Amino acid sequence: MAHIFLIVFGLSLSLITLPCLSAEPGTEPKTEPDTKPATAPETPTVKPNRSYLPSQEIKQITIDNQPFELLVRPWEGRKKLGASIILPATNGTADSPGLMAFVRRNINPAGWASLSLTPPTEPPAPNFATAAEEVASPGAAQLSTPSNKPSPKILPENSYKHLLEQEDFLIKSLSQLETVGADYPGKRVLITADQSAELLISLLSQKKIANPDVLIVINPYSEDEERNQALAEKLAKLTMPILDIQSPDGHPASLSTAEQRRTLAVTLETPNYRQSQLLLNLDNESAWQNCLNTIKGFAARMSTGN
C-alpha cells in the first residue's frame, strides 16, 4: 500500500513540474536571437542609379558639387531633327513615372533624342504643431489660413527664397546640356510640366536661359498665387512657338488660368501659340499617346516650317 502511494505521489509531482519547465523563459527565446540574425540576408543598399535602365542611358551632371541624373536616349530611325529636353514636375526624378517618362521613351522614333533632367525639389512641409501651453482657449481663432484653403507647404517668408533656389538649379542644369547635346545637332524642343513649367516660363521671360526652338508646357502653374496670376502674361509674351497642353485633371491653379492663357495669347497675337485641351485625364495611358502625338506633330511643324 505504501509502495502504491509513493508511485502516485511521484506521478503527481511530475505533472505539476512539467508545465513550470515548459513555461521556463530562456529556452527557445534564448537561442532565436543568436541564430536568426546570423543567417538572415542583409537588406541591399538602394543606389541612385536605377538598375532597370540601360547603363548607356544614364549620365550625370554636377551642380554645387552634387551629382544629378541626366537620362539620354538617342534618335531611332532615319529622322534626326534634334533633341527634346524633358523637365518633369518638381519633386520628381529624371524618369518620373507617367506621361513624362512615356514621352522620354517614345519620342525618339519621331527624330528627337531625349535628354531628361532631374527636376528641382520642393521644400519639406513646415511643422505647424503648437506647444500645449500656447493652445488658445476653445472657440478662439487659431489658424491664419482660411478654412477653405489648404495649409501652405512652405512658410511665406521662405517661399521667395526657395523659388530663386529652384530657378538657380535649373539655370545650372540647362547650362550643362551643351556638351551632351552636341551629339544630337538640330532643333531644341523644351518639354515640361506643372510647377517646373512655371519656373521655366519665368526664366525665359527674364531671359536667364536661352530660348528653345519650341516650348511645350503641360498644366503649368505655381502654388505662389502672385506668380500663378502672372503666368499667362509671361507665357503670352514669349516669342518661340508654344504648345500649351491642359488636361481635365490638371492642378486647380493650372485650370484656373487656362482660359486666360489662351485669350491673352490671342489678344497679344503671340506667334505660333496653340492651346490643346485634352479630353482624358493624364492618369489614363490613352491620354499619354494622344499627348505624345500632339507634341510630335507640333514640334515637327514648328521646327521644319511645314
Foldseek 3Di string as FASTA:
>chain_A
DVVVVVVVVVVVVVVVCVVVVVPDPCDVVVCVVVPVVVPDDDDDDDDPDDPVDDPVQWDWDADPNDIATKGKAAADDDAQAFAEEEEEDAPAHLCRDFLRVVLQPPVRPLRYIYIGGGAHHDDAADDPDDDPVPDDDPPDDDDPDDPVDDDDRDDPVCVVVVLVVRLVVVLSRVVPCPVVRVVRDHFYEYEYEEQSLLSVLVCVLVVSDDDGQEYEYELYADPPVVSLVCSLVSVLPDAHAYEYEYEPPRDPSSVVCVVVNVVSNVVSVRPNYDYDYQPHDRVDVVSSVVVSVVVSVSVVCSRVVD
